[in-house]
PDB file of N, CA and C in Angstrom:
ATOM      1  N   MET A   1     -53.836  20.051-101.854  1.00  0.00           N
ATOM      2  CA  MET A   1     -53.377  19.850-103.217  1.00  0.00           C
ATOM      3  C   MET A   1     -52.557  21.057-103.673  1.00  0.00           C
ATOM      4  N   SER A   2     -51.834  20.883-104.703  1.00  0.00           N
ATOM      5  CA  SER A   2     -50.960  21.915-105.216  1.00  0.00           C
ATOM      6  C   SER A   2     -51.736  22.874-106.100  1.00  0.00           C
ATOM      7  N   SER A   3     -51.286  24.148-106.131  1.00  0.00           N
ATOM      8  CA  SER A   3     -51.931  25.138-106.981  1.00  0.00           C
ATOM      9  C   SER A   3     -51.174  25.325-108.275  1.00  0.00           C
ATOM     10  N   VAL A   4     -50.368  24.373-108.647  1.00  0.00           N
ATOM     11  CA  VAL A   4     -49.574  24.435-109.858  1.00  0.00           C
ATOM     12  C   VAL A   4     -50.483  24.217-111.054  1.00  0.00           C
ATOM     13  N   THR A   5     -50.337  25.048-112.099  1.00  0.00           N
ATOM     14  CA  THR A   5     -51.167  24.905-113.278  1.00  0.00           C
ATOM     15  C   THR A   5     -50.461  24.046-114.327  1.00  0.00           C
ATOM     16  N   ALA A   6     -51.228  23.537-115.260  1.00  0.00           N
ATOM     17  CA  ALA A   6     -50.665  22.714-116.336  1.00  0.00           C
ATOM     18  C   ALA A   6     -49.677  23.544-117.164  1.00  0.00           C
ATOM     19  N   GLU A   7     -49.975  24.830-117.352  1.00  0.00           N
ATOM     20  CA  GLU A   7     -49.084  25.699-118.120  1.00  0.00           C
ATOM     21  C   GLU A   7     -47.743  25.877-117.430  1.00  0.00           C
ATOM     22  N   SER A   8     -47.753  26.047-116.110  1.00  0.00           N
ATOM     23  CA  SER A   8     -46.487  26.226-115.395  1.00  0.00           C
ATOM     24  C   SER A   8     -45.682  24.943-115.386  1.00  0.00           C
ATOM     25  N   ILE A   9     -46.374  23.798-115.324  1.00  0.00           N
ATOM     26  CA  ILE A   9     -45.685  22.505-115.394  1.00  0.00           C
ATOM     27  C   ILE A   9     -45.035  22.347-116.752  1.00  0.00           C
ATOM     28  N   ALA A  10     -45.788  22.642-117.810  1.00  0.00           N
ATOM     29  CA  ALA A  10     -45.262  22.493-119.160  1.00  0.00           C
ATOM     30  C   ALA A  10     -44.065  23.408-119.361  1.00  0.00           C
ATOM     31  N   ALA A  11     -44.145  24.625-118.863  1.00  0.00           N
ATOM     32  CA  ALA A  11     -43.034  25.571-119.014  1.00  0.00           C
ATOM     33  C   ALA A  11     -41.823  25.106-118.238  1.00  0.00           C
ATOM     34  N   SER A  12     -42.017  24.573-117.029  1.00  0.00           N
ATOM     35  CA  SER A  12     -40.889  24.146-116.229  1.00  0.00           C
ATOM     36  C   SER A  12     -40.207  22.922-116.810  1.00  0.00           C
ATOM     37  N   HIS A  13     -40.957  22.106-117.555  1.00  0.00           N
ATOM     38  CA  HIS A  13     -40.389  20.878-118.114  1.00  0.00           C
ATOM     39  C   HIS A  13     -39.625  21.114-119.405  1.00  0.00           C
ATOM     40  N   THR A  14     -39.537  22.378-119.843  1.00  0.00           N
ATOM     41  CA  THR A  14     -38.758  22.672-121.033  1.00  0.00           C
ATOM     42  C   THR A  14     -37.328  23.024-120.668  1.00  0.00           C
ATOM     43  N   SER A  15     -36.978  22.907-119.400  1.00  0.00           N
ATOM     44  CA  SER A  15     -35.631  23.258-118.984  1.00  0.00           C
ATOM     45  C   SER A  15     -34.593  22.312-119.562  1.00  0.00           C
ATOM     46  N   ALA A  16     -33.357  22.733-119.534  1.00  0.00           N
ATOM     47  CA  ALA A  16     -32.282  21.994-120.175  1.00  0.00           C
ATOM     48  C   ALA A  16     -32.036  20.636-119.529  1.00  0.00           C
ATOM     49  N   HIS A  17     -32.359  20.464-118.267  1.00  0.00           N
ATOM     50  CA  HIS A  17     -32.047  19.201-117.597  1.00  0.00           C
ATOM     51  C   HIS A  17     -32.932  18.052-118.080  1.00  0.00           C
ATOM     52  N   ASN A  18     -34.063  18.333-118.673  1.00  0.00           N
ATOM     53  CA  ASN A  18     -34.939  17.283-119.214  1.00  0.00           C
ATOM     54  C   ASN A  18     -34.520  16.986-120.653  1.00  0.00           C
ATOM     55  N   LYS A  19     -33.845  15.880-120.838  1.00  0.00           N
ATOM     56  CA  LYS A  19     -33.312  15.553-122.162  1.00  0.00           C
ATOM     57  C   LYS A  19     -34.402  15.038-123.076  1.00  0.00           C
ATOM     58  N   GLY A  20     -35.309  14.196-122.581  1.00  0.00           N
ATOM     59  CA  GLY A  20     -36.382  13.625-123.411  1.00  0.00           C
ATOM     60  C   GLY A  20     -37.694  14.316-123.123  1.00  0.00           C
ATOM     61  N   LYS A  21     -38.662  14.051-123.968  1.00  0.00           N
ATOM     62  CA  LYS A  21     -39.977  14.631-123.756  1.00  0.00           C
ATOM     63  C   LYS A  21     -40.663  13.890-122.621  1.00  0.00           C
ATOM     64  N   LYS A  22     -41.348  14.612-121.785  1.00  0.00           N
ATOM     65  CA  LYS A  22     -42.095  14.032-120.681  1.00  0.00           C
ATOM     66  C   LYS A  22     -43.566  14.084-121.077  1.00  0.00           C
ATOM     67  N   THR A  23     -44.025  13.060-121.773  1.00  0.00           N
ATOM     68  CA  THR A  23     -45.371  13.075-122.324  1.00  0.00           C
ATOM     69  C   THR A  23     -46.418  12.372-121.459  1.00  0.00           C
ATOM     70  N   SER A  24     -46.009  11.581-120.496  1.00  0.00           N
ATOM     71  CA  SER A  24     -46.959  10.880-119.646  1.00  0.00           C
ATOM     72  C   SER A  24     -47.760  11.879-118.817  1.00  0.00           C
ATOM     73  N   PRO A  25     -49.063  11.626-118.644  1.00  0.00           N
ATOM     74  CA  PRO A  25     -49.881  12.524-117.819  1.00  0.00           C
ATOM     75  C   PRO A  25     -49.399  12.654-116.377  1.00  0.00           C
ATOM     76  N   VAL A  26     -48.651  11.696-115.882  1.00  0.00           N
ATOM     77  CA  VAL A  26     -48.186  11.739-114.495  1.00  0.00           C
ATOM     78  C   VAL A  26     -47.236  12.905-114.258  1.00  0.00           C
ATOM     79  N   TRP A  27     -46.515  13.351-115.297  1.00  0.00           N
ATOM     80  CA  TRP A  27     -45.557  14.428-115.117  1.00  0.00           C
ATOM     81  C   TRP A  27     -46.229  15.759-114.751  1.00  0.00           C
ATOM     82  N   ALA A  28     -47.531  15.878-114.986  1.00  0.00           N
ATOM     83  CA  ALA A  28     -48.254  17.083-114.557  1.00  0.00           C
ATOM     84  C   ALA A  28     -48.352  17.164-113.040  1.00  0.00           C
ATOM     85  N   HIS A  29     -47.999  16.092-112.354  1.00  0.00           N
ATOM     86  CA  HIS A  29     -48.062  16.022-110.893  1.00  0.00           C
ATOM     87  C   HIS A  29     -46.682  16.121-110.267  1.00  0.00           C
ATOM     88  N   THR A  30     -45.714  16.659-111.024  1.00  0.00           N
ATOM     89  CA  THR A  30     -44.346  16.763-110.520  1.00  0.00           C
ATOM     90  C   THR A  30     -43.857  18.192-110.567  1.00  0.00           C
ATOM     91  N   ARG A  31     -42.703  18.379-109.947  1.00  0.00           N
ATOM     92  CA  ARG A  31     -42.048  19.690-109.957  1.00  0.00           C
ATOM     93  C   ARG A  31     -40.578  19.483-110.271  1.00  0.00           C
ATOM     94  N   GLU A  32     -39.915  20.548-110.658  1.00  0.00           N
ATOM     95  CA  GLU A  32     -38.471  20.534-110.893  1.00  0.00           C
ATOM     96  C   GLU A  32     -37.733  20.346-109.555  1.00  0.00           C
ATOM     97  N   PRO A  33     -36.534  19.787-109.585  1.00  0.00           N
ATOM     98  CA  PRO A  33     -35.772  19.639-108.329  1.00  0.00           C
ATOM     99  C   PRO A  33     -35.318  20.979-107.787  1.00  0.00           C
ATOM    100  N   LEU A  34     -35.241  21.055-106.462  1.00  0.00           N
ATOM    101  CA  LEU A  34     -34.701  22.234-105.804  1.00  0.00           C
ATOM    102  C   LEU A  34     -33.174  22.179-105.921  1.00  0.00           C
ATOM    103  N   GLU A  35     -32.515  23.226-105.565  1.00  0.00           N
ATOM    104  CA  GLU A  35     -31.062  23.326-105.711  1.00  0.00           C
ATOM    105  C   GLU A  35     -30.308  22.201-105.038  1.00  0.00           C
ATOM    106  N   HIS A  36     -30.769  21.760-103.867  1.00  0.00           N
ATOM    107  CA  HIS A  36     -30.071  20.736-103.091  1.00  0.00           C
ATOM    108  C   HIS A  36     -30.509  19.303-103.455  1.00  0.00           C
ATOM    109  N   GLU A  37     -31.460  19.155-104.384  1.00  0.00           N
ATOM    110  CA  GLU A  37     -31.967  17.823-104.762  1.00  0.00           C
ATOM    111  C   GLU A  37     -31.298  17.312-106.028  1.00  0.00           C
ATOM    112  N   ASP A  38     -31.447  16.029-106.281  1.00  0.00           N
ATOM    113  CA  ASP A  38     -30.887  15.387-107.470  1.00  0.00           C
ATOM    114  C   ASP A  38     -31.493  16.030-108.716  1.00  0.00           C
ATOM    115  N   GLN A  39     -30.652  16.626-109.536  1.00  0.00           N
ATOM    116  CA  GLN A  39     -31.108  17.364-110.718  1.00  0.00           C
ATOM    117  C   GLN A  39     -31.570  16.458-111.856  1.00  0.00           C
ATOM    118  N   GLU A  40     -31.354  15.165-111.725  1.00  0.00           N
ATOM    119  CA  GLU A  40     -31.764  14.198-112.759  1.00  0.00           C
ATOM    120  C   GLU A  40     -33.189  13.710-112.550  1.00  0.00           C
ATOM    121  N   LEU A  41     -33.814  14.053-111.427  1.00  0.00           N
ATOM    122  CA  LEU A  41     -35.153  13.563-111.098  1.00  0.00           C
ATOM    123  C   LEU A  41     -36.182  14.670-111.199  1.00  0.00           C
ATOM    124  N   LEU A  42     -37.437  14.267-111.325  1.00  0.00           N
ATOM    125  CA  LEU A  42     -38.568  15.159-111.122  1.00  0.00           C
ATOM    126  C   LEU A  42     -39.224  14.698-109.843  1.00  0.00           C
ATOM    127  N   TYR A  43     -39.768  15.638-109.060  1.00  0.00           N
ATOM    128  CA  TYR A  43     -40.258  15.327-107.736  1.00  0.00           C
ATOM    129  C   TYR A  43     -41.768  15.469-107.626  1.00  0.00           C
ATOM    130  N   CYS A  44     -42.351  14.623-106.797  1.00  0.00           N
ATOM    131  CA  CYS A  44     -43.785  14.613-106.560  1.00  0.00           C
ATOM    132  C   CYS A  44     -44.226  15.969-105.994  1.00  0.00           C
ATOM    133  N   SER A  45     -45.210  16.588-106.623  1.00  0.00           N
ATOM    134  CA  SER A  45     -45.717  17.877-106.160  1.00  0.00           C
ATOM    135  C   SER A  45     -46.417  17.778-104.815  1.00  0.00           C
ATOM    136  N   TYR A  46     -46.922  16.618-104.486  1.00  0.00           N
ATOM    137  CA  TYR A  46     -47.695  16.447-103.255  1.00  0.00           C
ATOM    138  C   TYR A  46     -46.830  16.126-102.064  1.00  0.00           C
ATOM    139  N   CYS A  47     -45.568  15.847-102.256  1.00  0.00           N
ATOM    140  CA  CYS A  47     -44.653  15.540-101.161  1.00  0.00           C
ATOM    141  C   CYS A  47     -43.797  16.735-100.773  1.00  0.00           C
ATOM    142  N   GLU A  48     -44.118  17.899-101.253  1.00  0.00           N
ATOM    143  CA  GLU A  48     -43.276  19.066-101.024  1.00  0.00           C
ATOM    144  C   GLU A  48     -43.056  19.389 -99.547  1.00  0.00           C
ATOM    145  N   LEU A  49     -44.026  19.104 -98.724  1.00  0.00           N
ATOM    146  CA  LEU A  49     -43.907  19.443 -97.314  1.00  0.00           C
ATOM    147  C   LEU A  49     -43.204  18.349 -96.499  1.00  0.00           C
ATOM    148  N   ASN A  50     -42.966  17.220 -97.096  1.00  0.00           N
ATOM    149  CA  ASN A  50     -42.292  16.113 -96.390  1.00  0.00           C
ATOM    150  C   ASN A  50     -40.801  16.393 -96.273  1.00  0.00           C
ATOM    151  N   ASP A  51     -40.186  15.753 -95.287  1.00  0.00           N
ATOM    152  CA  ASP A  51     -38.737  15.869 -95.131  1.00  0.00           C
ATOM    153  C   ASP A  51     -38.004  15.205 -96.272  1.00  0.00           C
ATOM    154  N   LYS A  52     -38.580  14.161 -96.831  1.00  0.00           N
ATOM    155  CA  LYS A  52     -37.938  13.419 -97.902  1.00  0.00           C
ATOM    156  C   LYS A  52     -38.897  13.285 -99.084  1.00  0.00           C
ATOM    157  N   PRO A  53     -38.915  14.251-100.001  1.00  0.00           N
ATOM    158  CA  PRO A  53     -39.825  14.170-101.146  1.00  0.00           C
ATOM    159  C   PRO A  53     -39.426  13.036-102.087  1.00  0.00           C
ATOM    160  N   HIS A  54     -40.405  12.508-102.803  1.00  0.00           N
ATOM    161  CA  HIS A  54     -40.147  11.406-103.729  1.00  0.00           C
ATOM    162  C   HIS A  54     -39.740  11.953-105.088  1.00  0.00           C
ATOM    163  N   GLY A  55     -38.603  11.472-105.579  1.00  0.00           N
ATOM    164  CA  GLY A  55     -38.142  11.839-106.918  1.00  0.00           C
ATOM    165  C   GLY A  55     -38.066  10.605-107.788  1.00  0.00           C
ATOM    166  N   ALA A  56     -38.271  10.792-109.086  1.00  0.00           N
ATOM    167  CA  ALA A  56     -38.264   9.651-110.016  1.00  0.00           C
ATOM    168  C   ALA A  56     -37.794  10.106-111.386  1.00  0.00           C
ATOM    169  N   LYS A  57     -37.185   9.139-112.095  1.00  0.00           N
ATOM    170  CA  LYS A  57     -36.771   9.372-113.490  1.00  0.00           C
ATOM    171  C   LYS A  57     -37.788   8.825-114.461  1.00  0.00           C
ATOM    172  N   THR A  58     -38.598   7.839-114.023  1.00  0.00           N
ATOM    173  CA  THR A  58     -39.520   7.199-114.929  1.00  0.00           C
ATOM    174  C   THR A  58     -40.984   7.487-114.556  1.00  0.00           C
ATOM    175  N   ALA A  59     -41.813   7.498-115.564  1.00  0.00           N
ATOM    176  CA  ALA A  59     -43.237   7.732-115.350  1.00  0.00           C
ATOM    177  C   ALA A  59     -43.864   6.621-114.526  1.00  0.00           C
ATOM    178  N   SER A  60     -43.441   5.384-114.778  1.00  0.00           N
ATOM    179  CA  SER A  60     -44.033   4.256-114.031  1.00  0.00           C
ATOM    180  C   SER A  60     -43.697   4.347-112.539  1.00  0.00           C
ATOM    181  N   SER A  61     -42.503   4.749-112.210  1.00  0.00           N
ATOM    182  CA  SER A  61     -42.113   4.894-110.800  1.00  0.00           C
ATOM    183  C   SER A  61     -42.937   5.989-110.134  1.00  0.00           C
ATOM    184  N   MET A  62     -43.092   7.114-110.815  1.00  0.00           N
ATOM    185  CA  MET A  62     -43.862   8.212-110.238  1.00  0.00           C
ATOM    186  C   MET A  62     -45.346   7.838-110.128  1.00  0.00           C
ATOM    187  N   THR A  63     -45.866   7.139-111.111  1.00  0.00           N
ATOM    188  CA  THR A  63     -47.257   6.699-111.078  1.00  0.00           C
ATOM    189  C   THR A  63     -47.497   5.763-109.895  1.00  0.00           C
ATOM    190  N   LYS A  64     -46.598   4.796-109.688  1.00  0.00           N
ATOM    191  CA  LYS A  64     -46.730   3.881-108.543  1.00  0.00           C
ATOM    192  C   LYS A  64     -46.700   4.640-107.238  1.00  0.00           C
ATOM    193  N   HIS A  65     -45.809   5.610-107.138  1.00  0.00           N
ATOM    194  CA  HIS A  65     -45.696   6.409-105.920  1.00  0.00           C
ATOM    195  C   HIS A  65     -47.012   7.146-105.651  1.00  0.00           C
ATOM    196  N   ILE A  66     -47.529   7.835-106.662  1.00  0.00           N
ATOM    197  CA  ILE A  66     -48.739   8.626-106.466  1.00  0.00           C
ATOM    198  C   ILE A  66     -49.926   7.723-106.140  1.00  0.00           C
ATOM    199  N   HIS A  67     -50.042   6.593-106.823  1.00  0.00           N
ATOM    200  CA  HIS A  67     -51.151   5.668-106.546  1.00  0.00           C
ATOM    201  C   HIS A  67     -51.075   5.116-105.133  1.00  0.00           C
ATOM    202  N   SER A  68     -49.889   4.882-104.613  1.00  0.00           N
ATOM    203  CA  SER A  68     -49.772   4.284-103.279  1.00  0.00           C
ATOM    204  C   SER A  68     -49.773   5.320-102.154  1.00  0.00           C
ATOM    205  N   MET A  69     -49.216   6.482-102.389  1.00  0.00           N
ATOM    206  CA  MET A  69     -49.074   7.472-101.303  1.00  0.00           C
ATOM    207  C   MET A  69     -50.112   8.598-101.360  1.00  0.00           C
ATOM    208  N   HIS A  70     -50.705   8.851-102.494  1.00  0.00           N
ATOM    209  CA  HIS A  70     -51.645   9.972-102.655  1.00  0.00           C
ATOM    210  C   HIS A  70     -52.893   9.436-103.350  1.00  0.00           C
ATOM    211  N   LYS A  71     -53.604   8.577-102.648  1.00  0.00           N
ATOM    212  CA  LYS A  71     -54.716   7.825-103.230  1.00  0.00           C
ATOM    213  C   LYS A  71     -55.862   8.682-103.752  1.00  0.00           C
ATOM    214  N   THR A  72     -55.977   9.917-103.299  1.00  0.00           N
ATOM    215  CA  THR A  72     -57.062  10.776-103.776  1.00  0.00           C
ATOM    216  C   THR A  72     -56.712  11.492-105.080  1.00  0.00           C
ATOM    217  N   VAL A  73     -55.466  11.425-105.504  1.00  0.00           N
ATOM    218  CA  VAL A  73     -55.041  12.061-106.748  1.00  0.00           C
ATOM    219  C   VAL A  73     -55.393  11.175-107.934  1.00  0.00           C
ATOM    220  N   ILE A  74     -56.052  11.770-108.920  1.00  0.00           N
ATOM    221  CA  ILE A  74     -56.427  11.041-110.126  1.00  0.00           C
ATOM    222  C   ILE A  74     -55.524  11.501-111.262  1.00  0.00           C
ATOM    223  N   ILE A  75     -54.867  10.548-111.875  1.00  0.00           N
ATOM    224  CA  ILE A  75     -54.016  10.843-113.021  1.00  0.00           C
ATOM    225  C   ILE A  75     -54.821  10.535-114.268  1.00  0.00           C
ATOM    226  N   GLU A  76     -55.245  11.604-114.952  1.00  0.00           N
ATOM    227  CA  GLU A  76     -56.042  11.413-116.155  1.00  0.00           C
ATOM    228  C   GLU A  76     -55.156  10.939-117.287  1.00  0.00           C
ATOM    229  N   LEU A  77     -55.597   9.889-117.930  1.00  0.00           N
ATOM    230  CA  LEU A  77     -54.832   9.346-119.044  1.00  0.00           C
ATOM    231  C   LEU A  77     -55.046  10.177-120.287  1.00  0.00           C
ATOM    232  N   GLY A  78     -53.971  10.406-120.997  1.00  0.00           N
ATOM    233  CA  GLY A  78     -54.043  11.131-122.247  1.00  0.00           C
ATOM    234  C   GLY A  78     -54.368  10.199-123.390  1.00  0.00           C
ATOM    235  N   VAL A  79     -54.571  10.763-124.554  1.00  0.00           N
ATOM    236  CA  VAL A  79     -54.841   9.992-125.746  1.00  0.00           C
ATOM    237  C   VAL A  79     -53.552   9.935-126.558  1.00  0.00           C
ATOM    238  N   SER A  80     -53.126   8.719-126.902  1.00  0.00           N
ATOM    239  CA  SER A  80     -51.911   8.585-127.694  1.00  0.00           C
ATOM    240  C   SER A  80     -52.185   9.003-129.132  1.00  0.00           C
ATOM    241  N   LYS A  81     -51.119   9.222-129.874  1.00  0.00           N
ATOM    242  CA  LYS A  81     -51.269   9.622-131.278  1.00  0.00           C
ATOM    243  C   LYS A  81     -51.996   8.561-132.073  1.00  0.00           C
ATOM    244  N   SER A  82     -51.668   7.288-131.827  1.00  0.00           N
ATOM    245  CA  SER A  82     -52.344   6.225-132.564  1.00  0.00           C
ATOM    246  C   SER A  82     -53.826   6.131-132.190  1.00  0.00           C
ATOM    247  N   GLN A  83     -54.158   6.374-130.926  1.00  0.00           N
ATOM    248  CA  GLN A  83     -55.566   6.371-130.522  1.00  0.00           C
ATOM    249  C   GLN A  83     -56.322   7.497-131.213  1.00  0.00           C
ATOM    250  N   GLU A  84     -55.695   8.652-131.337  1.00  0.00           N
ATOM    251  CA  GLU A  84     -56.328   9.789-131.985  1.00  0.00           C
ATOM    252  C   GLU A  84     -56.561   9.497-133.469  1.00  0.00           C
ATOM    253  N   VAL A  85     -55.612   8.852-134.133  1.00  0.00           N
ATOM    254  CA  VAL A  85     -55.762   8.477-135.540  1.00  0.00           C
ATOM    255  C   VAL A  85     -56.958   7.537-135.697  1.00  0.00           C
ATOM    256  N   VAL A  86     -57.044   6.551-134.828  1.00  0.00           N
ATOM    257  CA  VAL A  86     -58.171   5.608-134.885  1.00  0.00           C
ATOM    258  C   VAL A  86     -59.495   6.313-134.659  1.00  0.00           C
ATOM    259  N   ARG A  87     -59.531   7.226-133.686  1.00  0.00           N
ATOM    260  CA  ARG A  87     -60.762   7.990-133.428  1.00  0.00           C
ATOM    261  C   ARG A  87     -61.205   8.753-134.667  1.00  0.00           C
ATOM    262  N   GLN A  88     -60.233   9.417-135.324  1.00  0.00           N
ATOM    263  CA  GLN A  88     -60.564  10.183-136.522  1.00  0.00           C
ATOM    264  C   GLN A  88     -61.076   9.274-137.646  1.00  0.00           C
ATOM    265  N   GLN A  89     -60.461   8.128-137.788  1.00  0.00           N
ATOM    266  CA  GLN A  89     -60.891   7.184-138.819  1.00  0.00           C
ATOM    267  C   GLN A  89     -62.297   6.681-138.545  1.00  0.00           C
ATOM    268  N   LEU A  90     -62.581   6.370-137.287  1.00  0.00           N
ATOM    269  CA  LEU A  90     -63.920   5.920-136.933  1.00  0.00           C
ATOM    270  C   LEU A  90     -64.965   7.014-137.138  1.00  0.00           C
ATOM    271  N   LYS A  91     -64.617   8.252-136.821  1.00  0.00           N
ATOM    272  CA  LYS A  91     -65.531   9.355-137.060  1.00  0.00           C
ATOM    273  C   LYS A  91     -65.867   9.497-138.535  1.00  0.00           C
ATOM    274  N   SER A  92     -64.843   9.370-139.379  1.00  0.00           N
ATOM    275  CA  SER A  92     -65.101   9.515-140.812  1.00  0.00           C
ATOM    276  C   SER A  92     -65.906   8.360-141.377  1.00  0.00           C
ATOM    277  N   ILE A  93     -65.768   7.181-140.806  1.00  0.00           N
ATOM    278  CA  ILE A  93     -66.541   6.013-141.271  1.00  0.00           C
ATOM    279  C   ILE A  93     -67.999   6.105-140.833  1.00  0.00           C
ATOM    280  N   TYR A  94     -68.220   6.523-139.598  1.00  0.00           N
ATOM    281  CA  TYR A  94     -69.567   6.477-139.009  1.00  0.00           C
ATOM    282  C   TYR A  94     -70.255   7.837-138.943  1.00  0.00           C
ATOM    283  N   ARG A  95     -70.035   8.679-139.908  1.00  0.00           N
ATOM    284  CA  ARG A  95     -70.726   9.992-139.934  1.00  0.00           C
ATOM    285  C   ARG A  95     -72.100   9.867-140.453  1.00  0.00           C
TER     286      ARG A  95
END
């Protein structure tokens, strides 16, 4: 497995080439492209040693790749903003 931390992933994803926010939990399992790779993609952290690493623009594509090729990797789902609002409302109701 990779020794990349969540902080280093978050810092690397603030680069200029990422136009939109990468909020899906799957992006924590990616790395920035190397100089010779497509700069529009993020690459699977677990394929680094392969001759042909997997790159993707979409979270769903990267998720499918990780689920099929790296079956031991668990992608923890985050809580959406709306889910957090509902949780807070339920807490206030059932205190």
